[in-house]
């Protein structure tokens, strides 16, 4: 069963219970939670096993649990997750999305059934069909991305600079220059790795021509 978590007095939705800090505001929080269902650092994946994936997708409102065709939907969910990770990566200087990364999102947009909605206050918005289909649920994530791009919050959703991590986090700093999901873990790890590399390079440069580093043959 998926349980809820809390942080600093804020009760998180159960589908975001795997997030601990640097949370995006709703509805961007669901985009962050979806991408972070894969934890490269801990080697865990909520979408790895069908039963757990079905439960999480239903809990997050992305797909009805009793719909047929789950195997194909699970493949699409995993592919779209990495496409969204690449999309977030653009906020930290990542390359443009490749055709392979765009393809799952194009599949989502071709299968989804967006609808215009008029609210009682007169506001006109765009939503999804709400039929419990995965394509509509994922299209809702893309609409959240579009709205975040419009209000300026999108660029705060970033990927950890540790290539072994790539965790999506929300940078709430004033300078919008956050680089790590956690400085105490990934930040220090990468800085120490860079320091060791610079020291090793300095040793090599100081070696007399033709000599081997200490400990070498």
N, C-alpha and C. Protein backbone atom coordinates (compact mmCIF):
# COMPACT_ATOMS: atom_id res chain seq x y z
N UNK A 1 0.85 -1.19 0.00
CA UNK A 1 0.00 0.00 0.00
C UNK A 1 0.88 1.24 0.00
N UNK A 2 0.49 2.24 -0.76
CA UNK A 2 1.26 3.48 -0.83
C UNK A 2 0.81 4.39 0.30
N UNK A 3 1.73 4.84 1.09
CA UNK A 3 1.39 5.67 2.25
C UNK A 3 1.84 7.10 2.05
N UNK A 4 1.31 7.98 2.86
CA UNK A 4 1.66 9.40 2.76
C UNK A 4 2.86 9.71 3.62
N UNK A 5 3.54 10.78 3.29
CA UNK A 5 4.67 11.25 4.09
C UNK A 5 4.44 12.71 4.42
N UNK A 6 5.22 13.24 5.34
CA UNK A 6 5.07 14.66 5.68
C UNK A 6 6.45 15.28 5.78
N UNK A 7 6.52 16.56 5.51
CA UNK A 7 7.78 17.29 5.56
C UNK A 7 7.51 18.70 6.02
N UNK A 8 8.15 19.11 7.14
CA UNK A 8 8.01 20.46 7.68
C UNK A 8 6.54 20.84 7.84
N UNK A 9 5.75 19.92 8.35
CA UNK A 9 4.35 20.21 8.61
C UNK A 9 3.46 20.09 7.39
N UNK A 10 4.03 19.85 6.23
CA UNK A 10 3.25 19.73 5.01
C UNK A 10 3.04 18.24 4.71
N UNK A 11 1.79 17.85 4.61
CA UNK A 11 1.49 16.47 4.28
C UNK A 11 1.56 16.28 2.77
N UNK A 12 2.42 15.37 2.36
CA UNK A 12 2.58 15.10 0.94
C UNK A 12 1.53 14.12 0.46
N UNK A 13 1.11 14.23 -0.80
CA UNK A 13 0.27 13.18 -1.36
C UNK A 13 1.01 11.85 -1.30
N UNK A 14 0.29 10.75 -1.21
CA UNK A 14 0.94 9.45 -1.09
C UNK A 14 1.81 9.14 -2.29
N UNK A 15 1.45 9.67 -3.47
CA UNK A 15 2.25 9.40 -4.66
C UNK A 15 3.58 10.16 -4.65
N UNK A 16 3.75 11.07 -3.70
CA UNK A 16 5.01 11.82 -3.59
C UNK A 16 5.79 11.41 -2.36
N UNK A 17 5.45 10.27 -1.76
CA UNK A 17 6.08 9.87 -0.50
C UNK A 17 7.55 9.54 -0.66
N UNK A 18 8.02 9.32 -1.90
CA UNK A 18 9.43 9.02 -2.12
C UNK A 18 10.28 10.28 -2.22
N UNK A 19 9.66 11.45 -2.20
CA UNK A 19 10.39 12.72 -2.23
C UNK A 19 10.62 13.21 -0.81
N UNK A 20 11.79 13.78 -0.56
CA UNK A 20 12.13 14.20 0.80
C UNK A 20 12.34 15.70 0.93
N UNK A 21 12.85 16.33 -0.10
CA UNK A 21 13.16 17.75 0.02
C UNK A 21 13.17 18.39 -1.37
N UNK A 22 13.26 19.72 -1.36
CA UNK A 22 13.32 20.50 -2.60
C UNK A 22 12.15 20.14 -3.52
N UNK A 23 10.95 20.34 -2.96
CA UNK A 23 9.73 19.94 -3.64
C UNK A 23 9.19 21.07 -4.51
N UNK A 24 8.75 20.72 -5.69
CA UNK A 24 8.10 21.67 -6.59
C UNK A 24 6.69 21.95 -6.10
N UNK A 25 6.15 23.12 -6.41
CA UNK A 25 4.75 23.41 -6.05
C UNK A 25 3.81 22.62 -6.97
N UNK A 26 2.65 22.24 -6.47
CA UNK A 26 1.66 21.62 -7.36
C UNK A 26 1.25 22.61 -8.45
N UNK A 27 0.90 22.13 -9.64
CA UNK A 27 0.88 20.73 -10.08
C UNK A 27 2.23 20.21 -10.59
N UNK A 28 3.26 21.06 -10.53
CA UNK A 28 4.58 20.63 -11.02
C UNK A 28 5.15 19.52 -10.13
N UNK A 29 4.65 19.43 -8.91
CA UNK A 29 5.11 18.38 -8.00
C UNK A 29 4.88 16.99 -8.59
N UNK A 30 3.77 16.81 -9.32
CA UNK A 30 3.50 15.50 -9.90
C UNK A 30 4.50 15.17 -11.00
N UNK A 31 4.94 16.16 -11.75
CA UNK A 31 5.97 15.94 -12.77
C UNK A 31 7.26 15.48 -12.08
N UNK A 32 7.64 16.18 -11.03
CA UNK A 32 8.85 15.81 -10.27
C UNK A 32 8.72 14.41 -9.70
N UNK A 33 7.59 14.10 -9.10
CA UNK A 33 7.39 12.78 -8.49
C UNK A 33 7.42 11.67 -9.54
N UNK A 34 6.86 11.94 -10.70
CA UNK A 34 6.85 10.93 -11.77
C UNK A 34 8.27 10.65 -12.24
N UNK A 35 9.04 11.67 -12.50
CA UNK A 35 10.42 11.49 -12.96
C UNK A 35 11.25 10.78 -11.89
N UNK A 36 11.00 11.13 -10.63
CA UNK A 36 11.80 10.57 -9.54
C UNK A 36 11.31 9.21 -9.06
N UNK A 37 10.38 8.59 -9.79
CA UNK A 37 10.05 7.20 -9.47
C UNK A 37 11.24 6.29 -9.78
N UNK A 38 12.19 6.79 -10.56
CA UNK A 38 13.44 6.07 -10.79
C UNK A 38 14.55 6.76 -10.00
N UNK A 39 15.15 6.03 -9.09
CA UNK A 39 16.25 6.55 -8.27
C UNK A 39 17.53 5.86 -8.71
N UNK A 40 18.31 6.56 -9.53
CA UNK A 40 19.54 5.97 -10.07
C UNK A 40 20.57 5.74 -8.98
N UNK A 41 20.55 6.55 -7.94
CA UNK A 41 21.55 6.43 -6.88
C UNK A 41 21.28 5.20 -6.01
N UNK A 42 20.02 4.96 -5.69
CA UNK A 42 19.65 3.81 -4.84
C UNK A 42 19.27 2.58 -5.65
N UNK A 43 19.22 2.74 -6.98
CA UNK A 43 18.86 1.63 -7.87
C UNK A 43 17.48 1.08 -7.55
N UNK A 44 16.53 1.98 -7.37
CA UNK A 44 15.14 1.60 -7.16
C UNK A 44 14.27 2.22 -8.24
N UNK A 45 13.19 1.52 -8.57
CA UNK A 45 12.32 1.99 -9.64
C UNK A 45 10.89 1.58 -9.31
N UNK A 46 10.04 2.56 -9.05
CA UNK A 46 8.64 2.29 -8.74
C UNK A 46 7.93 1.65 -9.93
N UNK A 47 8.41 1.93 -11.13
CA UNK A 47 7.77 1.40 -12.34
C UNK A 47 8.43 0.11 -12.82
N UNK A 48 9.27 -0.49 -12.01
CA UNK A 48 9.98 -1.69 -12.45
C UNK A 48 9.07 -2.92 -12.46
N UNK A 49 8.14 -2.98 -11.50
CA UNK A 49 7.29 -4.15 -11.36
C UNK A 49 5.84 -3.76 -11.60
N UNK A 50 5.13 -4.58 -12.31
CA UNK A 50 3.79 -4.22 -12.80
C UNK A 50 2.84 -3.85 -11.67
N UNK A 51 2.78 -4.64 -10.62
CA UNK A 51 1.81 -4.37 -9.55
C UNK A 51 2.08 -3.04 -8.87
N UNK A 52 3.34 -2.79 -8.53
CA UNK A 52 3.67 -1.52 -7.88
C UNK A 52 3.46 -0.36 -8.83
N UNK A 53 3.80 -0.54 -10.10
CA UNK A 53 3.62 0.52 -11.09
C UNK A 53 2.14 0.84 -11.28
N UNK A 54 1.31 -0.20 -11.38
CA UNK A 54 -0.13 0.00 -11.56
C UNK A 54 -0.71 0.77 -10.38
N UNK A 55 -0.29 0.41 -9.17
CA UNK A 55 -0.79 1.09 -7.98
C UNK A 55 -0.35 2.55 -7.94
N UNK A 56 0.91 2.81 -8.27
CA UNK A 56 1.40 4.20 -8.21
C UNK A 56 0.73 5.06 -9.27
N UNK A 57 0.62 4.57 -10.48
CA UNK A 57 0.00 5.35 -11.55
C UNK A 57 -1.45 5.66 -11.23
N UNK A 58 -2.15 4.71 -10.63
CA UNK A 58 -3.54 4.95 -10.24
C UNK A 58 -3.61 5.95 -9.10
N UNK A 59 -2.73 5.82 -8.11
CA UNK A 59 -2.71 6.71 -6.97
C UNK A 59 -2.41 8.14 -7.39
N UNK A 60 -1.55 8.29 -8.40
CA UNK A 60 -1.20 9.62 -8.89
C UNK A 60 -2.24 10.18 -9.86
N UNK A 61 -3.25 9.40 -10.17
CA UNK A 61 -4.29 9.86 -11.07
C UNK A 61 -3.89 9.86 -12.54
N UNK A 62 -2.86 9.12 -12.86
CA UNK A 62 -2.38 9.09 -14.25
C UNK A 62 -3.03 7.99 -15.08
N UNK A 63 -3.59 6.99 -14.41
CA UNK A 63 -4.20 5.87 -15.14
C UNK A 63 -5.10 5.08 -14.19
N UNK A 64 -6.27 4.70 -14.68
CA UNK A 64 -7.14 3.84 -13.87
C UNK A 64 -6.52 2.45 -13.76
N UNK A 65 -6.56 1.90 -12.55
CA UNK A 65 -5.91 0.62 -12.30
C UNK A 65 -6.56 -0.53 -13.06
N UNK A 66 -7.86 -0.41 -13.36
CA UNK A 66 -8.56 -1.54 -13.97
C UNK A 66 -8.65 -1.45 -15.49
N UNK A 67 -7.96 -0.50 -16.10
CA UNK A 67 -7.97 -0.42 -17.56
C UNK A 67 -7.14 -1.56 -18.14
N UNK A 68 -7.53 -2.00 -19.34
CA UNK A 68 -6.77 -3.05 -20.03
C UNK A 68 -5.56 -2.44 -20.74
N UNK A 69 -4.70 -3.31 -21.29
CA UNK A 69 -3.53 -2.84 -22.05
C UNK A 69 -2.42 -2.28 -21.19
N UNK A 70 -2.25 -2.85 -19.99
CA UNK A 70 -1.28 -2.26 -19.06
C UNK A 70 0.16 -2.42 -19.54
N UNK A 71 0.50 -3.53 -20.17
CA UNK A 71 1.88 -3.76 -20.59
C UNK A 71 2.36 -2.65 -21.52
N UNK A 72 1.54 -2.30 -22.50
CA UNK A 72 1.90 -1.23 -23.43
C UNK A 72 1.96 0.12 -22.72
N UNK A 73 1.02 0.34 -21.80
CA UNK A 73 1.01 1.60 -21.05
C UNK A 73 2.25 1.72 -20.16
N UNK A 74 2.68 0.61 -19.58
CA UNK A 74 3.86 0.66 -18.72
C UNK A 74 5.10 1.00 -19.54
N UNK A 75 5.20 0.44 -20.72
CA UNK A 75 6.34 0.80 -21.59
C UNK A 75 6.32 2.28 -21.93
N UNK A 76 5.12 2.81 -22.23
CA UNK A 76 5.01 4.23 -22.55
C UNK A 76 5.35 5.09 -21.33
N UNK A 77 4.90 4.67 -20.16
CA UNK A 77 5.18 5.45 -18.95
C UNK A 77 6.68 5.54 -18.69
N UNK A 78 7.37 4.42 -18.82
CA UNK A 78 8.82 4.43 -18.60
C UNK A 78 9.53 5.30 -19.62
N UNK A 79 9.12 5.21 -20.88
CA UNK A 79 9.77 6.00 -21.93
C UNK A 79 9.48 7.49 -21.75
N UNK A 80 8.23 7.82 -21.42
CA UNK A 80 7.86 9.22 -21.23
C UNK A 80 8.59 9.81 -20.02
N UNK A 81 8.81 8.99 -19.01
CA UNK A 81 9.55 9.45 -17.82
C UNK A 81 10.95 9.93 -18.21
N UNK A 82 11.64 9.17 -19.06
CA UNK A 82 12.99 9.58 -19.46
C UNK A 82 12.95 10.77 -20.40
N UNK A 83 11.89 10.89 -21.19
CA UNK A 83 11.74 12.08 -22.04
C UNK A 83 11.55 13.32 -21.18
N UNK A 84 10.74 13.21 -20.13
CA UNK A 84 10.56 14.34 -19.22
C UNK A 84 11.84 14.65 -18.45
N UNK A 85 12.63 13.61 -18.12
CA UNK A 85 13.91 13.86 -17.47
C UNK A 85 14.83 14.67 -18.40
N UNK A 86 14.83 14.30 -19.67
CA UNK A 86 15.64 15.05 -20.65
C UNK A 86 15.12 16.47 -20.80
N UNK A 87 13.80 16.64 -20.72
CA UNK A 87 13.21 17.97 -20.82
C UNK A 87 13.65 18.83 -19.63
N UNK A 88 13.63 18.26 -18.44
CA UNK A 88 14.11 18.98 -17.25
C UNK A 88 15.60 19.28 -17.38
N UNK A 89 16.34 18.35 -17.98
CA UNK A 89 17.77 18.55 -18.16
C UNK A 89 18.12 19.79 -18.95
N UNK A 90 17.20 20.24 -19.79
CA UNK A 90 17.44 21.49 -20.54
C UNK A 90 17.61 22.67 -19.59
N UNK A 91 17.00 22.59 -18.40
CA UNK A 91 17.10 23.69 -17.44
C UNK A 91 18.48 23.78 -16.80
N UNK A 92 19.27 22.72 -16.95
CA UNK A 92 20.62 22.73 -16.40
C UNK A 92 21.66 22.58 -17.52
N UNK A 93 21.32 23.08 -18.69
CA UNK A 93 22.28 23.10 -19.79
C UNK A 93 22.36 21.83 -20.59
N UNK A 94 21.39 20.95 -20.44
CA UNK A 94 21.40 19.70 -21.20
C UNK A 94 21.14 19.94 -22.68
N UNK A 95 21.44 18.94 -23.52
CA UNK A 95 21.26 19.09 -24.96
C UNK A 95 19.79 19.06 -25.36
N UNK A 96 19.47 19.51 -26.56
CA UNK A 96 18.09 19.38 -27.05
C UNK A 96 17.67 17.92 -27.08
N UNK A 97 16.38 17.69 -26.95
CA UNK A 97 15.88 16.33 -26.97
C UNK A 97 16.11 15.69 -28.33
N UNK A 98 16.48 14.43 -28.32
CA UNK A 98 16.67 13.69 -29.55
C UNK A 98 15.32 13.22 -30.08
N UNK A 99 15.33 12.70 -31.29
CA UNK A 99 14.10 12.15 -31.85
C UNK A 99 13.57 11.03 -30.99
N UNK A 100 14.46 10.19 -30.47
CA UNK A 100 14.05 9.06 -29.62
C UNK A 100 13.42 9.57 -28.33
N UNK A 101 13.92 10.68 -27.79
CA UNK A 101 13.36 11.23 -26.55
C UNK A 101 12.04 11.94 -26.80
N UNK A 102 11.88 12.52 -27.97
CA UNK A 102 10.63 13.21 -28.30
C UNK A 102 9.51 12.24 -28.65
N UNK A 103 9.87 11.07 -29.17
CA UNK A 103 8.86 10.14 -29.69
C UNK A 103 7.81 9.75 -28.65
N UNK A 104 8.19 9.39 -27.42
CA UNK A 104 7.15 9.04 -26.44
C UNK A 104 6.19 10.20 -26.14
N UNK A 105 6.71 11.41 -26.11
CA UNK A 105 5.85 12.56 -25.84
C UNK A 105 4.94 12.83 -27.03
N UNK A 106 5.43 12.61 -28.23
CA UNK A 106 4.58 12.74 -29.41
C UNK A 106 3.48 11.69 -29.41
N UNK A 107 3.81 10.49 -28.92
CA UNK A 107 2.79 9.45 -28.81
C UNK A 107 1.71 9.87 -27.81
N UNK A 108 2.13 10.48 -26.71
CA UNK A 108 1.18 10.96 -25.72
C UNK A 108 0.25 12.00 -26.32
N UNK A 109 0.82 12.98 -27.01
CA UNK A 109 -0.01 14.06 -27.55
C UNK A 109 -0.93 13.58 -28.67
N UNK A 110 -0.51 12.54 -29.39
CA UNK A 110 -1.37 12.03 -30.46
C UNK A 110 -2.52 11.18 -29.92
N UNK A 111 -2.33 10.58 -28.73
CA UNK A 111 -3.37 9.72 -28.16
C UNK A 111 -4.27 10.43 -27.18
N UNK A 112 -3.82 11.54 -26.61
CA UNK A 112 -4.59 12.24 -25.59
C UNK A 112 -5.76 12.99 -26.20
N UNK A 113 -6.74 13.29 -25.35
CA UNK A 113 -7.93 14.01 -25.80
C UNK A 113 -8.11 15.27 -24.95
N UNK A 114 -7.35 16.33 -25.22
CA UNK A 114 -7.46 17.56 -24.43
C UNK A 114 -8.81 18.24 -24.65
N UNK A 115 -9.27 18.95 -23.62
CA UNK A 115 -10.55 19.64 -23.70
C UNK A 115 -10.44 21.03 -23.11
N UNK A 116 -11.11 21.99 -23.77
CA UNK A 116 -11.21 23.33 -23.20
C UNK A 116 -12.25 23.30 -22.09
N UNK A 117 -11.94 24.01 -21.00
CA UNK A 117 -12.85 24.07 -19.87
C UNK A 117 -13.04 25.53 -19.47
N UNK A 118 -14.29 25.87 -19.16
CA UNK A 118 -14.61 27.22 -18.71
C UNK A 118 -15.04 27.15 -17.26
N UNK A 119 -14.36 27.90 -16.41
CA UNK A 119 -14.65 27.89 -14.98
C UNK A 119 -15.73 28.90 -14.65
N UNK A 120 -16.29 28.79 -13.45
CA UNK A 120 -17.37 29.69 -13.03
C UNK A 120 -16.92 31.14 -12.98
N UNK A 121 -15.61 31.35 -12.74
CA UNK A 121 -15.11 32.72 -12.67
C UNK A 121 -14.79 33.30 -14.04
N UNK A 122 -15.07 32.51 -15.09
CA UNK A 122 -14.85 32.97 -16.45
C UNK A 122 -13.53 32.57 -17.05
N UNK A 123 -12.67 31.94 -16.25
CA UNK A 123 -11.38 31.51 -16.77
C UNK A 123 -11.51 30.34 -17.72
N UNK A 124 -10.74 30.39 -18.79
CA UNK A 124 -10.75 29.33 -19.80
C UNK A 124 -9.41 28.60 -19.72
N UNK A 125 -9.49 27.28 -19.56
CA UNK A 125 -8.27 26.50 -19.45
C UNK A 125 -8.34 25.26 -20.31
N UNK A 126 -7.22 24.57 -20.38
CA UNK A 126 -7.13 23.35 -21.17
C UNK A 126 -6.86 22.20 -20.22
N UNK A 127 -7.69 21.17 -20.31
CA UNK A 127 -7.53 20.00 -19.47
C UNK A 127 -7.53 18.74 -20.31
N UNK A 128 -7.52 17.59 -19.65
CA UNK A 128 -7.53 16.32 -20.36
C UNK A 128 -8.90 15.66 -20.24
N UNK A 129 -9.09 14.62 -21.04
CA UNK A 129 -10.40 13.99 -21.11
C UNK A 129 -10.87 13.37 -19.82
N UNK A 130 -9.93 12.93 -18.99
CA UNK A 130 -10.31 12.37 -17.71
C UNK A 130 -10.96 11.00 -17.80
N UNK A 131 -10.61 10.24 -18.83
CA UNK A 131 -11.20 8.91 -19.00
C UNK A 131 -10.38 7.81 -18.35
N UNK A 132 -9.36 8.18 -17.60
CA UNK A 132 -8.54 7.20 -16.93
C UNK A 132 -7.49 6.57 -17.80
N UNK A 133 -7.27 7.13 -18.99
CA UNK A 133 -6.26 6.59 -19.89
C UNK A 133 -4.89 7.18 -19.54
N UNK A 134 -3.85 6.38 -19.69
CA UNK A 134 -2.50 6.85 -19.39
C UNK A 134 -2.13 8.05 -20.26
N UNK A 135 -2.47 8.01 -21.52
CA UNK A 135 -2.12 9.11 -22.43
C UNK A 135 -2.69 10.43 -21.92
N UNK A 136 -3.91 10.40 -21.41
CA UNK A 136 -4.51 11.62 -20.87
C UNK A 136 -3.78 12.05 -19.59
N UNK A 137 -3.42 11.07 -18.75
CA UNK A 137 -2.70 11.42 -17.53
C UNK A 137 -1.35 12.04 -17.82
N UNK A 138 -0.62 11.47 -18.78
CA UNK A 138 0.69 12.02 -19.13
C UNK A 138 0.55 13.36 -19.84
N UNK A 139 -0.52 13.52 -20.60
CA UNK A 139 -0.77 14.82 -21.23
C UNK A 139 -0.99 15.88 -20.16
N UNK A 140 -1.60 15.48 -19.04
CA UNK A 140 -1.77 16.42 -17.93
C UNK A 140 -0.43 16.89 -17.39
N UNK A 141 0.57 15.99 -17.38
CA UNK A 141 1.91 16.39 -16.96
C UNK A 141 2.49 17.42 -17.92
N UNK A 142 2.28 17.20 -19.20
CA UNK A 142 2.79 18.15 -20.19
C UNK A 142 2.10 19.51 -20.06
N UNK A 143 0.81 19.50 -19.72
CA UNK A 143 0.11 20.76 -19.50
C UNK A 143 0.68 21.47 -18.27
N UNK A 144 1.05 20.69 -17.24
CA UNK A 144 1.68 21.30 -16.06
C UNK A 144 3.03 21.92 -16.43
N UNK A 145 3.77 21.25 -17.31
CA UNK A 145 5.04 21.80 -17.78
C UNK A 145 4.79 23.10 -18.54
N UNK A 146 3.79 23.09 -19.42
CA UNK A 146 3.48 24.30 -20.19
C UNK A 146 3.12 25.46 -19.27
N UNK A 147 2.28 25.21 -18.27
CA UNK A 147 1.88 26.28 -17.35
C UNK A 147 3.08 26.78 -16.55
N UNK A 148 3.96 25.86 -16.14
CA UNK A 148 5.16 26.26 -15.39
C UNK A 148 6.11 27.07 -16.26
N UNK A 149 6.20 26.72 -17.53
CA UNK A 149 7.02 27.52 -18.44
C UNK A 149 6.45 28.92 -18.58
N UNK A 150 5.12 29.03 -18.55
CA UNK A 150 4.48 30.34 -18.70
C UNK A 150 4.65 31.21 -17.46
N UNK A 151 4.62 30.60 -16.26
CA UNK A 151 4.71 31.42 -15.04
C UNK A 151 6.14 31.55 -14.51
N UNK A 152 7.12 30.91 -15.18
CA UNK A 152 8.51 31.07 -14.81
C UNK A 152 9.03 30.08 -13.80
N UNK A 153 8.17 29.17 -13.31
CA UNK A 153 8.63 28.21 -12.30
C UNK A 153 9.32 27.00 -12.92
N UNK A 154 9.12 26.79 -14.21
CA UNK A 154 9.68 25.59 -14.85
C UNK A 154 11.19 25.53 -14.74
N UNK A 155 11.86 26.65 -14.95
CA UNK A 155 13.32 26.64 -14.95
C UNK A 155 13.90 26.32 -13.58
N UNK A 156 13.07 26.33 -12.54
CA UNK A 156 13.53 25.96 -11.20
C UNK A 156 13.55 24.45 -11.00
N UNK A 157 12.86 23.71 -11.87
CA UNK A 157 12.91 22.25 -11.78
C UNK A 157 14.14 21.79 -12.52
N UNK A 158 15.07 21.18 -11.81
CA UNK A 158 16.39 20.90 -12.35
C UNK A 158 16.78 19.45 -12.07
N UNK A 159 17.86 19.01 -12.73
CA UNK A 159 18.41 17.68 -12.48
C UNK A 159 19.70 17.82 -11.69
N UNK A 160 19.91 16.91 -10.76
CA UNK A 160 21.15 16.90 -9.98
C UNK A 160 22.35 16.80 -10.92
N UNK A 161 23.38 17.57 -10.60
CA UNK A 161 24.57 17.60 -11.44
C UNK A 161 25.43 16.36 -11.34
N UNK A 162 25.11 15.46 -10.42
CA UNK A 162 25.83 14.19 -10.33
C UNK A 162 25.31 13.26 -11.43
N UNK A 163 26.14 12.89 -12.40
CA UNK A 163 25.66 12.05 -13.51
C UNK A 163 25.18 10.68 -13.06
N UNK A 164 25.57 10.26 -11.86
CA UNK A 164 25.10 8.98 -11.33
C UNK A 164 23.78 9.12 -10.57
N UNK A 165 23.27 10.32 -10.50
CA UNK A 165 22.05 10.58 -9.75
C UNK A 165 20.91 11.05 -10.66
N UNK A 166 21.05 12.26 -11.19
CA UNK A 166 20.06 12.82 -12.12
C UNK A 166 18.68 12.92 -11.49
N UNK A 167 18.61 13.14 -10.19
CA UNK A 167 17.36 13.30 -9.46
C UNK A 167 16.76 14.67 -9.76
N UNK A 168 15.48 14.72 -10.00
CA UNK A 168 14.82 16.00 -10.26
C UNK A 168 14.53 16.69 -8.93
N UNK A 169 14.90 17.96 -8.81
CA UNK A 169 14.67 18.72 -7.60
C UNK A 169 14.23 20.13 -7.97
N UNK A 170 13.56 20.79 -7.04
CA UNK A 170 13.09 22.15 -7.28
C UNK A 170 14.03 23.12 -6.58
N UNK A 171 14.59 24.02 -7.36
CA UNK A 171 15.55 24.99 -6.84
C UNK A 171 14.82 26.25 -6.39
N UNK A 172 14.64 26.37 -5.09
CA UNK A 172 13.95 27.53 -4.55
C UNK A 172 14.87 28.68 -4.18
N UNK A 173 16.16 28.58 -4.53
CA UNK A 173 17.11 29.63 -4.16
C UNK A 173 16.86 30.90 -4.96
N UNK A 174 17.26 32.03 -4.39
CA UNK A 174 17.04 33.31 -5.07
C UNK A 174 17.82 33.39 -6.38
N UNK A 175 19.03 32.84 -6.39
CA UNK A 175 19.85 32.94 -7.60
C UNK A 175 19.54 31.90 -8.66
N UNK A 176 18.72 30.92 -8.30
CA UNK A 176 18.33 29.87 -9.25
C UNK A 176 19.57 29.17 -9.84
N UNK A 177 20.55 28.92 -9.00
CA UNK A 177 21.78 28.29 -9.47
C UNK A 177 22.04 26.95 -8.78
N UNK A 178 21.02 26.36 -8.16
CA UNK A 178 21.20 25.09 -7.48
C UNK A 178 21.67 24.01 -8.44
N UNK A 179 22.65 23.22 -8.01
CA UNK A 179 23.23 22.21 -8.89
C UNK A 179 23.07 20.79 -8.38
N UNK A 180 22.71 20.63 -7.09
CA UNK A 180 22.70 19.29 -6.49
C UNK A 180 21.37 19.03 -5.81
N UNK A 181 20.94 17.76 -5.86
CA UNK A 181 19.74 17.40 -5.10
C UNK A 181 20.02 17.56 -3.61
N UNK A 182 21.22 17.18 -3.18
CA UNK A 182 21.67 17.39 -1.81
C UNK A 182 23.17 17.68 -1.82
N UNK A 183 23.58 18.81 -1.25
CA UNK A 183 24.99 19.17 -1.22
C UNK A 183 25.79 18.17 -0.40
N UNK A 184 25.19 17.68 0.70
CA UNK A 184 25.92 16.78 1.60
C UNK A 184 26.25 15.45 0.95
N UNK A 185 25.48 15.07 -0.05
CA UNK A 185 25.75 13.78 -0.70
C UNK A 185 26.35 14.00 -2.08
N UNK A 186 25.52 14.35 -3.03
CA UNK A 186 26.01 14.45 -4.41
C UNK A 186 26.99 15.60 -4.61
N UNK A 187 26.71 16.75 -3.99
CA UNK A 187 27.59 17.89 -4.19
C UNK A 187 29.01 17.62 -3.71
N UNK A 188 29.13 17.13 -2.49
CA UNK A 188 30.46 16.82 -1.95
C UNK A 188 31.12 15.68 -2.71
N UNK A 189 30.32 14.71 -3.12
CA UNK A 189 30.87 13.57 -3.85
C UNK A 189 31.52 14.02 -5.15
N UNK A 190 30.84 14.86 -5.90
CA UNK A 190 31.38 15.33 -7.18
C UNK A 190 32.56 16.27 -6.96
N UNK A 191 32.48 17.13 -5.95
CA UNK A 191 33.59 18.04 -5.68
C UNK A 191 34.84 17.27 -5.26
N UNK A 192 34.65 16.24 -4.45
CA UNK A 192 35.80 15.41 -4.05
C UNK A 192 36.36 14.65 -5.25
N UNK A 193 35.48 14.18 -6.12
CA UNK A 193 35.93 13.48 -7.31
C UNK A 193 36.74 14.41 -8.21
N UNK A 194 36.27 15.65 -8.35
CA UNK A 194 37.01 16.62 -9.17
C UNK A 194 38.35 16.97 -8.55
N UNK A 195 38.36 17.08 -7.21
CA UNK A 195 39.61 17.39 -6.51
C UNK A 195 40.62 16.28 -6.72
N UNK A 196 40.18 15.03 -6.60
CA UNK A 196 41.09 13.90 -6.81
C UNK A 196 41.62 13.88 -8.24
N UNK A 197 40.76 14.21 -9.19
CA UNK A 197 41.19 14.23 -10.59
C UNK A 197 42.22 15.31 -10.83
N UNK A 198 42.02 16.50 -10.21
CA UNK A 198 42.99 17.59 -10.38
C UNK A 198 44.32 17.23 -9.72
N UNK A 199 44.25 16.60 -8.56
CA UNK A 199 45.50 16.20 -7.89
C UNK A 199 46.25 15.16 -8.71
N UNK A 200 45.51 14.20 -9.25
CA UNK A 200 46.14 13.17 -10.07
C UNK A 200 46.78 13.79 -11.31
N UNK A 201 46.07 14.76 -11.92
CA UNK A 201 46.61 15.41 -13.10
C UNK A 201 47.87 16.20 -12.75
N UNK A 202 47.88 16.82 -11.56
CA UNK A 202 49.06 17.57 -11.14
C UNK A 202 50.25 16.66 -10.92
N UNK A 203 50.00 15.46 -10.35
CA UNK A 203 51.09 14.50 -10.15
C UNK A 203 51.68 14.07 -11.48
N UNK A 204 50.80 13.79 -12.45
CA UNK A 204 51.26 13.36 -13.77
C UNK A 204 52.09 14.45 -14.43
N UNK A 205 51.62 15.71 -14.30
CA UNK A 205 52.33 16.81 -14.95
C UNK A 205 53.69 17.04 -14.31
N UNK A 206 53.84 16.70 -13.01
CA UNK A 206 55.11 16.92 -12.33
C UNK A 206 56.10 15.77 -12.53
N UNK A 207 55.62 14.66 -13.10
CA UNK A 207 56.50 13.53 -13.31
C UNK A 207 57.55 13.85 -14.38
N UNK A 208 58.79 13.45 -14.16
CA UNK A 208 59.80 13.61 -15.23
C UNK A 208 59.35 12.82 -16.46
N UNK A 209 59.78 13.27 -17.59
CA UNK A 209 59.40 12.64 -18.85
C UNK A 209 59.78 11.17 -18.84
N UNK A 210 58.80 10.31 -19.10
CA UNK A 210 59.07 8.88 -19.17
C UNK A 210 58.93 8.16 -17.86
N UNK A 211 58.74 8.92 -16.75
CA UNK A 211 58.60 8.26 -15.44
C UNK A 211 57.16 7.83 -15.23
N UNK A 212 56.96 6.84 -14.36
CA UNK A 212 55.63 6.36 -14.04
C UNK A 212 55.20 6.94 -12.71
N UNK A 213 53.87 7.16 -12.51
CA UNK A 213 53.39 7.63 -11.22
C UNK A 213 53.76 6.65 -10.12
N UNK A 214 53.75 7.15 -8.87
CA UNK A 214 54.10 6.29 -7.74
C UNK A 214 53.17 5.11 -7.69
N UNK A 215 53.76 3.93 -7.49
CA UNK A 215 52.96 2.72 -7.42
C UNK A 215 52.79 2.06 -8.75
N UNK A 216 53.26 2.71 -9.84
CA UNK A 216 53.12 2.15 -11.18
C UNK A 216 54.21 1.13 -11.44
N UNK A 217 54.11 0.42 -12.58
CA UNK A 217 55.13 -0.59 -12.91
C UNK A 217 56.46 0.04 -13.22
